[in-house]
Amino acid sequence: MFKRNITIKFLLAILILHLSTISLFASEDKFGYVDAKRILASHPQFEQRQREFQAFSQKKADDARAAAEKETDQTKRMVIIRTAERETGEEGDRLMNPITDEINKIIEEVAKSKGVTIVMHKVLFYYGGIDLTDEVIGRVKKIKE
């Protein structure tokens, strides 16, 4: 679920970045695409951050479960669970946003260097477009841990 949320946020950030300044229907636009999952997995800090998140998430879930079991009021149980979910999401954002920000910047740089004006996730393309994934991964791998 965490990977899917990060991928969705990553895709939305790419789309918002490009759609806010560029018309989708302009005939001179050049389309590119990336494989967000491969790019994210290639980041030197991704696995460590993912392990940190999983450890945090597991501890938060265990703590919330223990606190909820002690609580007799159903409403208070739900508050405990929702608070744990919110805090887990915030921690995921704290850990992953710097990585996705770096990746988005690199995607933008690669796209500009190729004259690409619109970048989308590869699943949105049936055919055509320029695959920027490998060049982005090459630059992402050069990021120092």
N, C-alpha and C. Protein backbone atom coordinates (compact mmCIF):
# COMPACT_ATOMS: atom_id res chain seq x y z
N MET A 1 0.83 -1.19 0.00
CA MET A 1 0.00 0.00 0.00
C MET A 1 0.87 1.25 0.00
N PHE A 2 1.96 1.24 0.79
CA PHE A 2 2.84 2.39 0.86
C PHE A 2 3.46 2.68 -0.50
N LYS A 3 3.94 1.63 -1.19
CA LYS A 3 4.54 1.83 -2.51
C LYS A 3 3.52 2.43 -3.47
N ARG A 4 2.29 1.94 -3.41
CA ARG A 4 1.24 2.44 -4.31
C ARG A 4 0.95 3.91 -4.02
N ASN A 5 0.88 4.27 -2.74
CA ASN A 5 0.62 5.67 -2.37
C ASN A 5 1.75 6.58 -2.85
N ILE A 6 2.99 6.13 -2.69
CA ILE A 6 4.13 6.92 -3.14
C ILE A 6 4.09 7.06 -4.65
N THR A 7 3.79 5.97 -5.35
CA THR A 7 3.72 6.02 -6.81
C THR A 7 2.63 6.98 -7.25
N ILE A 8 1.49 6.93 -6.61
CA ILE A 8 0.39 7.83 -6.97
C ILE A 8 0.79 9.28 -6.72
N LYS A 9 1.39 9.55 -5.56
CA LYS A 9 1.82 10.92 -5.26
C LYS A 9 2.87 11.38 -6.27
N PHE A 10 3.76 10.48 -6.62
CA PHE A 10 4.81 10.79 -7.59
C PHE A 10 4.20 11.14 -8.94
N LEU A 11 3.25 10.35 -9.38
CA LEU A 11 2.59 10.61 -10.66
C LEU A 11 1.82 11.92 -10.63
N LEU A 12 1.11 12.16 -9.55
CA LEU A 12 0.35 13.40 -9.44
C LEU A 12 1.27 14.62 -9.45
N ALA A 13 2.40 14.50 -8.80
CA ALA A 13 3.34 15.63 -8.77
C ALA A 13 3.85 15.92 -10.18
N ILE A 14 4.15 14.86 -10.93
CA ILE A 14 4.61 15.03 -12.31
C ILE A 14 3.51 15.69 -13.14
N LEU A 15 2.31 15.17 -13.03
CA LEU A 15 1.21 15.71 -13.82
C LEU A 15 0.90 17.16 -13.47
N ILE A 16 0.85 17.48 -12.20
CA ILE A 16 0.55 18.85 -11.77
C ILE A 16 1.63 19.80 -12.26
N LEU A 17 2.88 19.38 -12.13
CA LEU A 17 3.99 20.21 -12.56
C LEU A 17 3.86 20.59 -14.03
N HIS A 18 3.57 19.62 -14.85
CA HIS A 18 3.53 19.88 -16.28
C HIS A 18 2.19 20.43 -16.77
N LEU A 19 1.12 19.98 -16.19
CA LEU A 19 -0.18 20.44 -16.65
C LEU A 19 -0.49 21.86 -16.22
N SER A 20 0.16 22.31 -15.15
CA SER A 20 -0.10 23.67 -14.68
C SER A 20 0.49 24.72 -15.60
N THR A 21 1.47 24.35 -16.40
CA THR A 21 2.12 25.35 -17.25
C THR A 21 1.98 25.07 -18.74
N ILE A 22 1.50 23.90 -19.09
CA ILE A 22 1.49 23.50 -20.50
C ILE A 22 0.12 22.99 -20.90
N SER A 23 -0.34 23.37 -22.04
CA SER A 23 -1.61 22.88 -22.55
C SER A 23 -1.42 21.48 -23.10
N LEU A 24 -2.29 20.57 -22.71
CA LEU A 24 -2.20 19.19 -23.19
C LEU A 24 -2.46 19.09 -24.69
N PHE A 25 -3.17 20.04 -25.21
CA PHE A 25 -3.60 19.89 -26.58
C PHE A 25 -2.81 20.73 -27.58
N ALA A 26 -1.75 21.35 -27.15
CA ALA A 26 -0.94 22.14 -28.06
C ALA A 26 -0.22 21.21 -29.03
N SER A 27 -0.27 21.51 -30.30
CA SER A 27 0.27 20.62 -31.32
C SER A 27 1.78 20.51 -31.27
N GLU A 28 2.49 21.50 -30.73
CA GLU A 28 3.95 21.45 -30.68
C GLU A 28 4.48 20.72 -29.45
N ASP A 29 3.62 20.24 -28.59
CA ASP A 29 4.07 19.53 -27.41
C ASP A 29 4.73 18.21 -27.78
N LYS A 30 5.75 17.88 -27.02
CA LYS A 30 6.47 16.62 -27.20
C LYS A 30 6.25 15.81 -25.93
N PHE A 31 5.75 14.60 -26.08
CA PHE A 31 5.38 13.77 -24.95
C PHE A 31 6.50 12.81 -24.56
N GLY A 32 6.66 12.66 -23.25
CA GLY A 32 7.60 11.68 -22.73
C GLY A 32 6.92 10.90 -21.62
N TYR A 33 7.55 9.81 -21.25
CA TYR A 33 6.99 9.01 -20.17
C TYR A 33 8.11 8.41 -19.33
N VAL A 34 7.76 8.05 -18.11
CA VAL A 34 8.70 7.43 -17.19
C VAL A 34 8.02 6.27 -16.47
N ASP A 35 8.83 5.36 -15.99
CA ASP A 35 8.36 4.27 -15.13
C ASP A 35 8.69 4.68 -13.70
N ALA A 36 7.73 5.27 -13.03
CA ALA A 36 7.94 5.83 -11.70
C ALA A 36 8.42 4.79 -10.69
N LYS A 37 7.91 3.59 -10.79
CA LYS A 37 8.28 2.54 -9.83
C LYS A 37 9.76 2.18 -9.97
N ARG A 38 10.23 2.01 -11.20
CA ARG A 38 11.64 1.70 -11.44
C ARG A 38 12.54 2.83 -10.98
N ILE A 39 12.12 4.07 -11.25
CA ILE A 39 12.93 5.22 -10.87
C ILE A 39 13.03 5.31 -9.35
N LEU A 40 11.91 5.21 -8.68
CA LEU A 40 11.90 5.29 -7.23
C LEU A 40 12.77 4.20 -6.62
N ALA A 41 12.66 2.98 -7.12
CA ALA A 41 13.45 1.86 -6.60
C ALA A 41 14.95 2.05 -6.84
N SER A 42 15.32 2.87 -7.83
CA SER A 42 16.73 3.07 -8.14
C SER A 42 17.39 4.11 -7.24
N HIS A 43 16.61 4.85 -6.50
CA HIS A 43 17.18 5.90 -5.65
C HIS A 43 18.02 5.26 -4.54
N PRO A 44 19.23 5.76 -4.31
CA PRO A 44 20.12 5.14 -3.33
C PRO A 44 19.56 5.10 -1.90
N GLN A 45 18.64 5.98 -1.57
CA GLN A 45 18.10 6.02 -0.22
C GLN A 45 16.75 5.32 -0.08
N PHE A 46 16.20 4.86 -1.19
CA PHE A 46 14.84 4.32 -1.16
C PHE A 46 14.70 3.12 -0.23
N GLU A 47 15.56 2.13 -0.37
CA GLU A 47 15.41 0.92 0.44
C GLU A 47 15.55 1.22 1.94
N GLN A 48 16.52 2.07 2.29
CA GLN A 48 16.70 2.42 3.70
C GLN A 48 15.47 3.15 4.23
N ARG A 49 14.98 4.11 3.46
CA ARG A 49 13.79 4.86 3.89
C ARG A 49 12.58 3.93 4.00
N GLN A 50 12.49 2.99 3.10
CA GLN A 50 11.38 2.05 3.13
C GLN A 50 11.47 1.18 4.39
N ARG A 51 12.67 0.73 4.74
CA ARG A 51 12.84 -0.06 5.97
C ARG A 51 12.49 0.77 7.20
N GLU A 52 12.91 2.04 7.21
CA GLU A 52 12.58 2.93 8.33
C GLU A 52 11.07 3.09 8.45
N PHE A 53 10.42 3.26 7.31
CA PHE A 53 8.97 3.43 7.33
C PHE A 53 8.28 2.16 7.82
N GLN A 54 8.72 1.02 7.35
CA GLN A 54 8.10 -0.24 7.76
C GLN A 54 8.27 -0.47 9.26
N ALA A 55 9.45 -0.15 9.79
CA ALA A 55 9.67 -0.30 11.23
C ALA A 55 8.77 0.65 12.01
N PHE A 56 8.69 1.90 11.56
CA PHE A 56 7.82 2.88 12.21
C PHE A 56 6.37 2.43 12.14
N SER A 57 5.96 2.01 10.97
CA SER A 57 4.58 1.60 10.74
C SER A 57 4.20 0.41 11.63
N GLN A 58 5.10 -0.55 11.71
CA GLN A 58 4.82 -1.73 12.53
C GLN A 58 4.71 -1.35 14.01
N LYS A 59 5.63 -0.51 14.49
CA LYS A 59 5.59 -0.09 15.89
C LYS A 59 4.33 0.71 16.17
N LYS A 60 3.99 1.62 15.28
CA LYS A 60 2.79 2.44 15.45
C LYS A 60 1.54 1.55 15.47
N ALA A 61 1.48 0.56 14.59
CA ALA A 61 0.33 -0.35 14.55
C ALA A 61 0.24 -1.17 15.83
N ASP A 62 1.39 -1.67 16.29
CA ASP A 62 1.41 -2.46 17.53
C ASP A 62 0.96 -1.62 18.72
N ASP A 63 1.49 -0.40 18.80
CA ASP A 63 1.13 0.50 19.91
C ASP A 63 -0.37 0.83 19.86
N ALA A 64 -0.87 1.13 18.68
CA ALA A 64 -2.29 1.48 18.53
C ALA A 64 -3.18 0.28 18.87
N ARG A 65 -2.77 -0.89 18.42
CA ARG A 65 -3.55 -2.10 18.70
C ARG A 65 -3.62 -2.33 20.22
N ALA A 66 -2.48 -2.19 20.90
CA ALA A 66 -2.44 -2.39 22.35
C ALA A 66 -3.31 -1.36 23.07
N ALA A 67 -3.22 -0.11 22.63
CA ALA A 67 -4.01 0.96 23.27
C ALA A 67 -5.50 0.75 22.98
N ALA A 68 -5.84 0.34 21.78
CA ALA A 68 -7.25 0.14 21.42
C ALA A 68 -7.86 -1.04 22.18
N GLU A 69 -7.05 -2.07 22.41
CA GLU A 69 -7.56 -3.24 23.15
C GLU A 69 -7.89 -2.89 24.60
N LYS A 70 -7.18 -1.93 25.14
CA LYS A 70 -7.42 -1.51 26.52
C LYS A 70 -8.64 -0.60 26.64
N GLU A 71 -9.01 0.01 25.54
CA GLU A 71 -10.10 0.99 25.52
C GLU A 71 -11.44 0.28 25.34
N THR A 72 -12.41 0.66 26.14
CA THR A 72 -13.74 0.04 26.03
C THR A 72 -14.68 0.86 25.14
N ASP A 73 -14.44 2.12 25.01
CA ASP A 73 -15.29 3.00 24.20
C ASP A 73 -14.89 2.87 22.72
N GLN A 74 -15.87 2.47 21.91
CA GLN A 74 -15.62 2.25 20.48
C GLN A 74 -15.15 3.52 19.78
N THR A 75 -15.70 4.66 20.13
CA THR A 75 -15.31 5.93 19.52
C THR A 75 -13.85 6.24 19.83
N LYS A 76 -13.45 6.00 21.07
CA LYS A 76 -12.05 6.25 21.45
C LYS A 76 -11.11 5.27 20.74
N ARG A 77 -11.57 4.06 20.54
CA ARG A 77 -10.76 3.08 19.78
C ARG A 77 -10.51 3.59 18.35
N MET A 78 -11.58 4.09 17.75
CA MET A 78 -11.45 4.60 16.37
C MET A 78 -10.51 5.80 16.32
N VAL A 79 -10.56 6.66 17.32
CA VAL A 79 -9.66 7.82 17.38
C VAL A 79 -8.21 7.34 17.47
N ILE A 80 -7.96 6.35 18.28
CA ILE A 80 -6.60 5.79 18.43
C ILE A 80 -6.11 5.25 17.08
N ILE A 81 -6.96 4.50 16.42
CA ILE A 81 -6.57 3.89 15.14
C ILE A 81 -6.36 4.96 14.07
N ARG A 82 -7.27 5.91 13.98
CA ARG A 82 -7.14 6.98 12.97
C ARG A 82 -5.92 7.85 13.23
N THR A 83 -5.63 8.10 14.48
CA THR A 83 -4.45 8.89 14.83
C THR A 83 -3.18 8.14 14.40
N ALA A 84 -3.15 6.86 14.66
CA ALA A 84 -1.99 6.05 14.25
C ALA A 84 -1.85 6.05 12.73
N GLU A 85 -2.97 5.92 12.02
CA GLU A 85 -2.92 5.95 10.55
C GLU A 85 -2.41 7.29 10.04
N ARG A 86 -2.91 8.39 10.63
CA ARG A 86 -2.47 9.72 10.22
C ARG A 86 -0.98 9.91 10.47
N GLU A 87 -0.54 9.52 11.65
CA GLU A 87 0.88 9.68 12.00
C GLU A 87 1.77 8.81 11.11
N THR A 88 1.28 7.63 10.74
CA THR A 88 2.03 6.77 9.84
C THR A 88 2.15 7.41 8.45
N GLY A 89 1.08 7.98 7.98
CA GLY A 89 1.12 8.68 6.69
C GLY A 89 2.05 9.87 6.72
N GLU A 90 2.02 10.63 7.80
CA GLU A 90 2.91 11.79 7.94
C GLU A 90 4.37 11.36 7.95
N GLU A 91 4.65 10.25 8.62
CA GLU A 91 6.03 9.74 8.66
C GLU A 91 6.45 9.27 7.27
N GLY A 92 5.55 8.63 6.55
CA GLY A 92 5.85 8.22 5.18
C GLY A 92 6.17 9.42 4.31
N ASP A 93 5.38 10.48 4.45
CA ASP A 93 5.65 11.71 3.70
C ASP A 93 7.00 12.30 4.09
N ARG A 94 7.28 12.34 5.37
CA ARG A 94 8.54 12.91 5.84
C ARG A 94 9.74 12.15 5.27
N LEU A 95 9.62 10.85 5.22
CA LEU A 95 10.72 10.03 4.72
C LEU A 95 10.84 10.06 3.20
N MET A 96 9.71 10.07 2.50
CA MET A 96 9.76 9.90 1.05
C MET A 96 9.70 11.20 0.24
N ASN A 97 9.14 12.26 0.79
CA ASN A 97 9.04 13.50 0.01
C ASN A 97 10.38 14.02 -0.48
N PRO A 98 11.45 13.98 0.32
CA PRO A 98 12.74 14.45 -0.21
C PRO A 98 13.20 13.63 -1.42
N ILE A 99 12.94 12.34 -1.39
CA ILE A 99 13.32 11.49 -2.52
C ILE A 99 12.49 11.83 -3.74
N THR A 100 11.20 11.93 -3.59
CA THR A 100 10.35 12.23 -4.75
C THR A 100 10.62 13.64 -5.28
N ASP A 101 10.96 14.58 -4.40
CA ASP A 101 11.32 15.92 -4.86
C ASP A 101 12.58 15.89 -5.73
N GLU A 102 13.58 15.13 -5.29
CA GLU A 102 14.81 14.99 -6.08
C GLU A 102 14.51 14.35 -7.44
N ILE A 103 13.71 13.31 -7.42
CA ILE A 103 13.38 12.61 -8.66
C ILE A 103 12.60 13.51 -9.60
N ASN A 104 11.64 14.25 -9.08
CA ASN A 104 10.87 15.16 -9.93
C ASN A 104 11.76 16.21 -10.58
N LYS A 105 12.72 16.71 -9.84
CA LYS A 105 13.65 17.69 -10.39
C LYS A 105 14.47 17.07 -11.52
N ILE A 106 14.94 15.86 -11.32
CA ILE A 106 15.72 15.18 -12.35
C ILE A 106 14.86 14.91 -13.58
N ILE A 107 13.63 14.48 -13.38
CA ILE A 107 12.73 14.24 -14.52
C ILE A 107 12.56 15.53 -15.31
N GLU A 108 12.37 16.62 -14.61
CA GLU A 108 12.20 17.90 -15.29
C GLU A 108 13.45 18.27 -16.10
N GLU A 109 14.62 18.06 -15.51
CA GLU A 109 15.88 18.36 -16.20
C GLU A 109 16.05 17.49 -17.45
N VAL A 110 15.79 16.21 -17.31
CA VAL A 110 15.93 15.30 -18.45
C VAL A 110 14.93 15.66 -19.54
N ALA A 111 13.71 15.94 -19.14
CA ALA A 111 12.68 16.31 -20.11
C ALA A 111 13.09 17.56 -20.88
N LYS A 112 13.57 18.56 -20.18
CA LYS A 112 14.00 19.80 -20.85
C LYS A 112 15.15 19.52 -21.81
N SER A 113 16.09 18.68 -21.39
CA SER A 113 17.24 18.39 -22.26
C SER A 113 16.82 17.65 -23.53
N LYS A 114 15.70 16.95 -23.48
CA LYS A 114 15.19 16.20 -24.65
C LYS A 114 14.11 16.98 -25.40
N GLY A 115 13.80 18.17 -24.92
CA GLY A 115 12.76 18.97 -25.56
C GLY A 115 11.35 18.45 -25.30
N VAL A 116 11.20 17.67 -24.25
CA VAL A 116 9.90 17.10 -23.88
C VAL A 116 9.16 18.11 -23.03
N THR A 117 7.91 18.38 -23.39
CA THR A 117 7.12 19.36 -22.65
C THR A 117 6.12 18.72 -21.70
N ILE A 118 5.76 17.48 -21.94
CA ILE A 118 4.80 16.78 -21.08
C ILE A 118 5.35 15.41 -20.74
N VAL A 119 5.38 15.11 -19.43
CA VAL A 119 5.86 13.80 -18.97
C VAL A 119 4.75 13.15 -18.17
N MET A 120 4.48 11.89 -18.51
CA MET A 120 3.44 11.13 -17.82
C MET A 120 4.00 9.76 -17.47
N HIS A 121 3.24 9.02 -16.68
CA HIS A 121 3.64 7.66 -16.35
C HIS A 121 3.43 6.77 -17.56
N LYS A 122 4.29 5.78 -17.71
CA LYS A 122 4.26 4.93 -18.90
C LYS A 122 2.94 4.19 -19.10
N VAL A 123 2.22 3.90 -18.04
CA VAL A 123 0.97 3.15 -18.19
C VAL A 123 -0.10 3.97 -18.91
N LEU A 124 0.11 5.27 -19.03
CA LEU A 124 -0.85 6.12 -19.70
C LEU A 124 -0.62 6.18 -21.22
N PHE A 125 0.44 5.54 -21.70
CA PHE A 125 0.77 5.55 -23.12
C PHE A 125 0.48 4.19 -23.75
N TYR A 126 -0.21 4.22 -24.84
CA TYR A 126 -0.43 3.00 -25.62
C TYR A 126 0.76 2.80 -26.56
N TYR A 127 1.14 3.87 -27.24
CA TYR A 127 2.34 3.86 -28.07
C TYR A 127 2.81 5.30 -28.24
N GLY A 128 4.01 5.44 -28.74
CA GLY A 128 4.57 6.76 -28.97
C GLY A 128 5.19 7.35 -27.72
N GLY A 129 5.64 8.56 -27.82
CA GLY A 129 6.28 9.23 -26.71
C GLY A 129 7.73 8.82 -26.58
N ILE A 130 8.44 9.54 -25.75
CA ILE A 130 9.86 9.30 -25.53
C ILE A 130 10.04 8.74 -24.13
N ASP A 131 10.70 7.60 -24.03
CA ASP A 131 10.95 6.98 -22.73
C ASP A 131 12.15 7.65 -22.08
N LEU A 132 11.92 8.33 -20.98
CA LEU A 132 12.97 9.05 -20.26
C LEU A 132 13.51 8.24 -19.07
N THR A 133 12.94 7.10 -18.83
CA THR A 133 13.21 6.33 -17.61
C THR A 133 14.69 6.03 -17.41
N ASP A 134 15.34 5.45 -18.40
CA ASP A 134 16.74 5.03 -18.21
C ASP A 134 17.67 6.21 -17.93
N GLU A 135 17.46 7.31 -18.63
CA GLU A 135 18.31 8.48 -18.38
C GLU A 135 18.05 9.04 -16.98
N VAL A 136 16.80 9.07 -16.57
CA VAL A 136 16.48 9.54 -15.22
C VAL A 136 17.12 8.62 -14.19
N ILE A 137 17.01 7.32 -14.38
CA ILE A 137 17.61 6.36 -13.44
C ILE A 137 19.12 6.56 -13.37
N GLY A 138 19.75 6.78 -14.51
CA GLY A 138 21.20 7.02 -14.52
C GLY A 138 21.58 8.21 -13.65
N ARG A 139 20.80 9.27 -13.73
CA ARG A 139 21.08 10.46 -12.91
C ARG A 139 20.71 10.24 -11.44
N VAL A 140 19.64 9.51 -11.20
CA VAL A 140 19.22 9.23 -9.81
C VAL A 140 20.28 8.40 -9.10
N LYS A 141 20.86 7.45 -9.80
CA LYS A 141 21.87 6.58 -9.18
C LYS A 141 23.12 7.35 -8.77
N LYS A 142 23.32 8.53 -9.35
CA LYS A 142 24.49 9.35 -9.01
C LYS A 142 24.27 10.17 -7.74
N ILE A 143 23.05 10.18 -7.22
CA ILE A 143 22.77 10.90 -5.99
C ILE A 143 23.50 10.20 -4.85
N LYS A 144 24.15 10.99 -4.02
CA LYS A 144 24.89 10.41 -2.90
C LYS A 144 23.95 10.12 -1.74
N GLU A 145 24.22 9.03 -1.08
CA GLU A 145 23.41 8.66 0.08
C GLU A 145 23.76 9.59 1.15
